[in-house]
Amino acid sequence: MSEQLGTLEELPQDYRDAMGEAGVSPLWPMMRNVLPHGAPNPKTQSGYWNFERLRPLLLRAGELTPVEKAERRVLVLGDPGRGPGAMQATASLYIGMQLLLPGETAPAHKHTPSAVRVMVEGKGAFTVVDGERLPMEEGDLVLTPGGEWHDHGHDGDEPVIWLDVLDLPLFVYLEGSYAEEGELQAQRNRPDASAVEYLSAGLAPSRTRKAAVRRYPMARYPWARTEAALRELARYEGEEPVEMDYINPETGDDVLPTMGFTAMMLEAGQTSRPPKRSESAIFHVVKGRGHSVIDGKRVEWGPKDTFSAPVFAEIDHVADEESFLIRAHDRPLQEKLGYSEERPR
């Protein structure tokens, strides 16, 4: 394909006017913008959000705006490549930090995008998803799949903060993003499925062939179990950092159709140099300290910090001390579209 494509300015003005009146435009002047050669040319830029800077802003938001006036009291972590006010951190992923104060309730609603909560700080919060009460402890992953009712409550005595990860940009692009409000849900009088049906990996409740299985059978992934599994795997993996995917315990698929989540452990001094991936990613530091170099940009991170990487980014992670991170990504969406790709460094 020729690199020297014609420009719009080369066309006669009368022809351009006629195209405008007909509601059409020529492809060739725009082709390199939508189909660059060799690799995508992402608009997304790597972002970094320091928790120690965000925390006082969240707490002040709690003083300035009651939850009744906010519905969800969230500070949006926007993509630097799209500028202030961007409602996305990458092309497909939205992230925000949410605050809930003691005694507050975030009302019930459901919406077309799916959301995942990564608990960052505090105790006593819970999410109710379709009647199942899900405790929220630091590092826990809590699902609120698209179309399922959910509300948040807080029985503790200190502020709680969590990271929201949504596939919102996808639904906005499809013009299919909307929400419905409802009443607070009646809670089932039993622990959540992670503490009963799926307490042990590799085991699921026995059932008859005709018994229905929920599409999202487990909505809470306790961090304590995740960390224990990472540590055990690290004992046998030699020099390489270890990663484990969060999966649906009934199917083995990723937890949601469009978003995947991966837990990472790096021992002190370890380096991770993943291949270039077509998926965009959000990294949240559960604990530990280190730095990452993303397309030449160095990010110094510590506990509870968050940073992002665009598609096909060249990434190096280096841990100064034992560190645990959760990576959110859009690999499940890309696999469904048939183009998930890795390239060597």
Protein backbone atom coordinates (compact mmCIF):
# COMPACT_ATOMS: atom_id res chain seq x y z
CA MET A 1 0.00 0.00 0.00
CA SER A 2 1.39 3.37 -0.96
CA GLU A 3 2.63 5.67 1.78
CA GLN A 4 1.87 8.73 -0.37
CA LEU A 5 -1.89 8.94 -0.21
CA GLY A 6 -3.77 11.89 -1.58
CA THR A 7 -4.88 14.66 0.74
CA LEU A 8 -8.24 16.37 1.03
CA GLU A 9 -6.66 19.66 0.00
CA GLU A 10 -5.65 18.16 -3.36
CA LEU A 11 -9.30 17.74 -4.32
CA PRO A 12 -11.12 20.62 -6.03
CA GLN A 13 -13.31 22.72 -3.78
CA ASP A 14 -16.41 22.09 -5.87
CA TYR A 15 -15.88 18.33 -5.46
CA ARG A 16 -15.46 18.71 -1.70
CA ASP A 17 -18.61 20.80 -1.51
CA ALA A 18 -20.55 18.19 -3.50
CA MET A 19 -19.38 15.41 -1.20
CA GLY A 20 -20.45 17.41 1.83
CA GLU A 21 -23.90 17.94 0.37
CA ALA A 22 -24.17 14.20 -0.36
CA GLY A 23 -23.09 13.27 3.19
CA VAL A 24 -19.94 11.39 2.14
CA SER A 25 -16.19 11.87 2.52
CA PRO A 26 -13.11 10.30 0.89
CA LEU A 27 -11.40 7.49 2.77
CA TRP A 28 -7.88 7.86 1.44
CA PRO A 29 -6.90 11.11 3.24
CA MET A 30 -7.96 9.53 6.57
CA MET A 31 -6.78 5.96 5.99
CA ARG A 32 -3.50 6.25 7.91
CA ASN A 33 -5.37 7.62 10.93
CA VAL A 34 -7.69 4.62 11.21
CA LEU A 35 -5.37 1.95 9.76
CA PRO A 36 -1.76 2.85 10.67
CA HIS A 37 0.86 0.46 9.34
CA GLY A 38 2.40 -2.25 11.50
CA ALA A 39 0.90 -1.43 14.89
CA PRO A 40 -1.81 0.75 16.46
CA ASN A 41 -1.10 4.37 17.28
CA PRO A 42 -2.89 4.70 20.62
CA LYS A 43 -4.25 7.93 21.97
CA THR A 44 -3.97 6.53 25.50
CA GLN A 45 -0.93 7.55 27.54
CA SER A 46 0.39 5.85 30.65
CA GLY A 47 -1.08 7.43 33.78
CA TYR A 48 -0.05 7.32 37.44
CA TRP A 49 -2.21 8.11 40.48
CA ASN A 50 -0.54 8.35 43.88
CA PHE A 51 -2.87 7.22 46.66
CA GLU A 52 -1.40 9.58 49.25
CA ARG A 53 -2.43 12.49 47.01
CA LEU A 54 -5.86 11.07 46.22
CA ARG A 55 -6.82 10.14 49.78
CA PRO A 56 -7.19 13.70 51.20
CA LEU A 57 -9.14 14.72 48.09
CA LEU A 58 -11.54 11.84 48.64
CA LEU A 59 -11.97 12.64 52.33
CA ARG A 60 -12.69 16.28 51.50
CA ALA A 61 -15.23 15.13 48.94
CA GLY A 62 -16.89 13.34 51.86
CA GLU A 63 -17.11 16.67 53.71
CA LEU A 64 -18.32 18.65 50.70
CA THR A 65 -20.84 16.29 49.12
CA PRO A 66 -23.14 13.93 51.01
CA VAL A 67 -23.61 10.56 49.35
CA GLU A 68 -27.29 11.40 48.76
CA LYS A 69 -26.18 14.14 46.36
CA ALA A 70 -23.55 11.99 44.67
CA GLU A 71 -25.14 8.51 44.50
CA ARG A 72 -21.57 7.26 44.09
CA ARG A 73 -18.86 9.54 45.57
CA VAL A 74 -16.04 8.89 43.11
CA LEU A 75 -12.98 10.67 41.79
CA VAL A 76 -12.34 9.60 38.18
CA LEU A 77 -8.78 8.65 37.23
CA GLY A 78 -8.57 10.00 33.68
CA ASP A 79 -6.24 9.13 30.81
CA PRO A 80 -3.54 11.83 30.39
CA GLY A 81 -3.70 11.31 26.62
CA ARG A 82 -7.34 12.42 26.53
CA GLY A 83 -6.92 15.33 28.92
CA PRO A 84 -8.89 16.60 31.94
CA GLY A 85 -12.35 15.13 32.36
CA ALA A 86 -11.64 11.95 30.43
CA MET A 87 -14.08 9.27 31.60
CA GLN A 88 -11.61 6.50 30.85
CA ALA A 89 -8.09 5.46 31.76
CA THR A 90 -7.58 3.43 28.56
CA ALA A 91 -9.67 3.00 25.42
CA SER A 92 -11.80 0.31 27.09
CA LEU A 93 -11.30 0.73 30.85
CA TYR A 94 -12.66 3.31 33.28
CA ILE A 95 -11.28 3.58 36.81
CA GLY A 96 -12.26 5.68 39.80
CA MET A 97 -11.65 5.86 43.55
CA GLN A 98 -14.82 5.66 45.63
CA LEU A 99 -15.37 6.80 49.22
CA LEU A 100 -18.02 5.57 51.65
CA LEU A 101 -18.22 6.97 55.18
CA PRO A 102 -19.43 5.15 58.31
CA GLY A 103 -23.18 4.66 58.32
CA GLU A 104 -23.61 5.67 54.69
CA THR A 105 -25.49 3.69 52.05
CA ALA A 106 -24.96 3.98 48.30
CA PRO A 107 -28.39 3.27 46.79
CA ALA A 108 -29.28 0.24 44.71
CA HIS A 109 -28.99 0.42 40.97
CA LYS A 110 -28.05 -1.69 37.98
CA HIS A 111 -26.44 -0.69 34.72
CA THR A 112 -25.30 -2.11 31.43
CA PRO A 113 -21.53 -1.79 32.09
CA SER A 114 -19.90 -4.29 34.44
CA ALA A 115 -17.92 -3.07 37.45
CA VAL A 116 -15.27 -4.61 39.68
CA ARG A 117 -14.25 -3.24 43.06
CA VAL A 118 -10.72 -3.62 44.42
CA MET A 119 -10.82 -2.78 48.13
CA VAL A 120 -8.09 -0.27 49.01
CA GLU A 121 -8.54 0.95 52.59
CA GLY A 122 -10.76 0.55 55.65
CA LYS A 123 -13.07 -2.03 57.19
CA GLY A 124 -16.78 -2.52 57.59
CA ALA A 125 -17.96 -1.95 54.03
CA PHE A 126 -20.01 -4.41 52.03
CA THR A 127 -21.64 -4.69 48.63
CA VAL A 128 -24.93 -6.47 48.05
CA VAL A 129 -25.23 -8.10 44.61
CA ASP A 130 -28.59 -9.69 43.80
CA GLY A 131 -29.22 -10.22 47.50
CA GLU A 132 -25.78 -11.66 48.33
CA ARG A 133 -23.90 -9.63 50.94
CA LEU A 134 -20.21 -9.40 50.05
CA PRO A 135 -17.79 -8.19 52.75
CA MET A 136 -15.04 -5.90 51.46
CA GLU A 137 -11.61 -6.43 53.00
CA GLU A 138 -8.40 -4.83 51.75
CA GLY A 139 -7.30 -6.37 48.45
CA ASP A 140 -10.60 -8.19 47.86
CA LEU A 141 -12.00 -8.28 44.34
CA VAL A 142 -15.80 -7.85 44.21
CA LEU A 143 -17.83 -8.23 41.00
CA THR A 144 -20.95 -6.30 40.09
CA PRO A 145 -21.68 -7.69 36.60
CA GLY A 146 -23.68 -5.69 34.11
CA GLY A 147 -27.42 -5.95 34.64
CA GLU A 148 -27.23 -7.11 38.27
CA TRP A 149 -28.64 -5.04 41.14
CA HIS A 150 -26.07 -3.81 43.63
CA ASP A 151 -25.81 -1.39 46.54
CA HIS A 152 -23.10 -0.54 49.07
CA GLY A 153 -23.25 -0.14 52.83
CA HIS A 154 -20.88 0.61 55.70
CA ASP A 155 -21.21 -0.81 59.21
CA GLY A 156 -17.72 0.20 60.35
CA ASP A 157 -16.35 3.28 62.07
CA GLU A 158 -13.73 4.57 59.62
CA PRO A 159 -13.79 5.74 55.98
CA VAL A 160 -13.51 3.04 53.32
CA ILE A 161 -12.04 3.52 49.86
CA TRP A 162 -12.05 1.20 46.89
CA LEU A 163 -10.99 1.24 43.25
CA ASP A 164 -13.76 0.90 40.66
CA VAL A 165 -12.89 -0.72 37.31
CA LEU A 166 -15.59 -0.64 34.62
CA ASP A 167 -15.94 -1.42 30.93
CA LEU A 168 -17.90 1.83 30.71
CA PRO A 169 -16.04 3.27 27.65
CA LEU A 170 -17.16 0.29 25.58
CA PHE A 171 -20.83 0.84 26.40
CA VAL A 172 -20.55 4.60 25.88
CA TYR A 173 -19.04 3.95 22.44
CA LEU A 174 -21.87 1.52 21.62
CA GLU A 175 -24.40 4.08 22.92
CA GLY A 176 -25.71 1.38 25.22
CA SER A 177 -24.76 2.81 28.61
CA TYR A 178 -27.63 3.39 31.04
CA ALA A 179 -28.67 2.66 34.63
CA GLU A 180 -31.85 1.95 36.58
CA GLU A 181 -32.46 2.78 40.23
CA GLY A 182 -34.20 0.57 42.77
CA GLU A 183 -34.79 -0.13 46.45
CA LEU A 184 -32.13 -1.51 48.80
CA GLN A 185 -32.04 -5.27 48.49
CA ALA A 186 -33.07 -7.83 51.06
CA GLN A 187 -29.94 -9.74 52.06
CA ARG A 188 -29.79 -13.52 52.12
CA ASN A 189 -29.00 -14.85 55.58
CA ARG A 190 -25.82 -16.74 54.69
CA PRO A 191 -22.16 -16.03 53.85
CA ASP A 192 -21.22 -15.24 50.26
CA ALA A 193 -20.37 -18.01 47.78
CA SER A 194 -16.59 -17.61 48.24
CA ALA A 195 -17.06 -18.80 51.84
CA VAL A 196 -19.47 -21.66 51.08
CA GLU A 197 -19.79 -23.13 47.57
CA TYR A 198 -16.29 -22.21 46.38
CA LEU A 199 -14.23 -22.34 49.55
CA SER A 200 -11.59 -24.60 47.96
CA ALA A 201 -10.08 -24.38 44.48
CA GLY A 202 -11.02 -27.29 42.23
CA LEU A 203 -14.26 -28.02 44.07
CA ALA A 204 -17.81 -27.01 43.10
CA PRO A 205 -21.17 -28.06 44.52
CA SER A 206 -22.52 -31.32 43.17
CA ARG A 207 -25.79 -30.85 41.32
CA THR A 208 -28.17 -32.60 38.95
CA ARG A 209 -27.69 -32.04 35.24
CA LYS A 210 -30.74 -29.81 35.03
CA ALA A 211 -29.76 -27.61 37.95
CA ALA A 212 -29.12 -24.04 36.85
CA VAL A 213 -25.75 -22.47 37.54
CA ARG A 214 -25.56 -18.71 37.96
CA ARG A 215 -23.71 -16.94 35.19
CA TYR A 216 -21.48 -15.32 37.83
CA PRO A 217 -21.47 -17.89 40.62
CA MET A 218 -18.80 -16.23 42.77
CA ALA A 219 -18.76 -12.46 43.15
CA ARG A 220 -16.09 -12.03 45.85
CA TYR A 221 -12.45 -13.10 45.61
CA PRO A 222 -10.84 -12.67 49.07
CA TRP A 223 -7.33 -11.26 48.98
CA ALA A 224 -6.07 -13.48 51.81
CA ARG A 225 -6.62 -16.56 49.64
CA THR A 226 -5.16 -14.89 46.57
CA GLU A 227 -1.97 -13.93 48.38
CA ALA A 228 -1.60 -17.41 49.89
CA ALA A 229 -1.96 -18.99 46.43
CA LEU A 230 0.64 -16.64 44.93
CA ARG A 231 3.11 -17.38 47.72
CA GLU A 232 2.68 -21.13 47.30
CA LEU A 233 3.15 -20.94 43.53
CA ALA A 234 6.24 -18.75 43.98
CA ARG A 235 7.91 -21.53 45.98
CA TYR A 236 8.15 -23.64 42.83
CA GLU A 237 8.56 -21.11 40.03
CA GLY A 238 12.25 -20.33 40.47
CA GLU A 239 13.42 -16.90 39.36
CA GLU A 240 10.28 -15.82 37.51
CA PRO A 241 7.59 -13.59 39.09
CA VAL A 242 4.27 -15.40 39.40
CA GLU A 243 0.83 -14.42 38.15
CA MET A 244 -2.60 -15.96 38.68
CA ASP A 245 -5.81 -15.15 36.82
CA TYR A 246 -9.12 -14.57 38.54
CA ILE A 247 -11.59 -16.99 36.95
CA ASN A 248 -15.18 -18.18 37.07
CA PRO A 249 -15.00 -21.29 39.32
CA GLU A 250 -17.59 -23.16 37.24
CA THR A 251 -16.26 -22.51 33.73
CA GLY A 252 -12.61 -21.48 34.10
CA ASP A 253 -13.33 -18.40 31.97
CA ASP A 254 -12.34 -14.88 32.94
CA VAL A 255 -14.60 -13.36 35.58
CA LEU A 256 -16.38 -11.04 33.10
CA PRO A 257 -16.97 -11.08 29.34
CA THR A 258 -14.98 -7.91 28.60
CA MET A 259 -12.54 -7.55 31.52
CA GLY A 260 -9.94 -9.82 33.06
CA PHE A 261 -8.00 -9.57 36.30
CA THR A 262 -4.59 -11.02 37.15
CA ALA A 263 -2.80 -11.05 40.52
CA MET A 264 0.99 -10.62 40.45
CA MET A 265 3.71 -11.27 43.00
CA LEU A 266 7.25 -9.96 42.72
CA GLU A 267 9.85 -10.80 45.31
CA ALA A 268 12.35 -8.14 46.40
CA GLY A 269 14.71 -7.41 43.52
CA GLN A 270 12.67 -9.31 40.94
CA THR A 271 12.00 -7.88 37.49
CA SER A 272 9.06 -8.65 35.23
CA ARG A 273 9.44 -7.99 31.48
CA PRO A 274 6.19 -9.12 29.83
CA PRO A 275 5.85 -9.22 26.05
CA LYS A 276 4.17 -6.35 24.26
CA ARG A 277 0.45 -7.07 24.45
CA SER A 278 -2.48 -5.79 22.43
CA GLU A 279 -4.47 -5.39 25.64
CA SER A 280 -4.48 -2.19 27.66
CA ALA A 281 -3.95 -2.51 31.40
CA ILE A 282 -4.47 -0.96 34.81
CA PHE A 283 -2.08 -1.90 37.63
CA HIS A 284 -3.09 -1.47 41.27
CA VAL A 285 -0.51 -2.00 44.02
CA VAL A 286 -2.01 -3.99 46.88
CA LYS A 287 1.23 -3.83 48.85
CA GLY A 288 4.94 -3.32 48.23
CA ARG A 289 7.22 -0.77 46.58
CA GLY A 290 9.08 -0.58 43.31
CA HIS A 291 9.06 1.09 39.93
CA SER A 292 7.88 0.41 36.40
CA VAL A 293 9.13 1.77 33.10
CA ILE A 294 6.31 2.06 30.56
CA ASP A 295 7.36 3.08 27.06
CA GLY A 296 10.36 4.85 28.60
CA LYS A 297 8.34 6.62 31.32
CA ARG A 298 9.43 5.70 34.85
CA VAL A 299 6.75 5.33 37.53
CA GLU A 300 7.75 5.00 41.19
CA TRP A 301 4.95 3.15 42.99
CA GLY A 302 4.06 2.23 46.53
CA PRO A 303 1.14 0.71 48.45
CA LYS A 304 -2.33 1.49 47.03
CA ASP A 305 -1.02 3.42 44.03
CA THR A 306 -2.49 2.88 40.56
CA PHE A 307 -0.99 3.24 37.08
CA SER A 308 -1.94 2.36 33.51
CA ALA A 309 -0.40 1.18 30.25
CA PRO A 310 -1.68 1.55 26.67
CA VAL A 311 -1.78 -1.21 24.05
CA PHE A 312 1.55 -2.73 22.95
CA ALA A 313 3.39 -0.85 25.69
CA GLU A 314 6.92 -1.92 26.56
CA ILE A 315 6.76 -2.54 30.31
CA ASP A 316 9.37 -3.37 32.95
CA HIS A 317 8.38 -3.87 36.59
CA VAL A 318 11.07 -3.87 39.29
CA ALA A 319 10.24 -4.62 42.94
CA ASP A 320 12.28 -2.91 45.67
CA GLU A 321 10.55 -5.13 48.23
CA GLU A 322 8.10 -8.00 48.14
CA SER A 323 5.18 -6.63 46.14
CA PHE A 324 1.68 -7.68 45.09
CA LEU A 325 -0.23 -6.05 42.25
CA ILE A 326 -3.55 -6.62 40.52
CA ARG A 327 -3.66 -6.07 36.77
CA ALA A 328 -6.99 -5.26 35.11
CA HIS A 329 -7.05 -5.75 31.34
CA ASP A 330 -9.32 -6.15 28.33
CA ARG A 331 -7.95 -9.47 27.05
CA PRO A 332 -11.36 -11.25 27.33
CA LEU A 333 -12.91 -8.65 25.01
CA GLN A 334 -10.04 -8.91 22.54
CA GLU A 335 -10.18 -12.71 22.51
CA LYS A 336 -13.88 -12.54 21.68
CA LEU A 337 -13.03 -10.21 18.81
CA GLY A 338 -10.36 -12.67 17.64
CA TYR A 339 -7.34 -10.38 17.73
CA SER A 340 -5.59 -10.70 21.09
CA GLU A 341 -1.87 -10.52 20.30
CA GLU A 342 1.55 -10.67 21.93
CA ARG A 343 4.77 -9.44 20.38
CA PRO A 344 8.35 -10.16 21.53
CA ARG A 345 10.38 -7.36 23.02
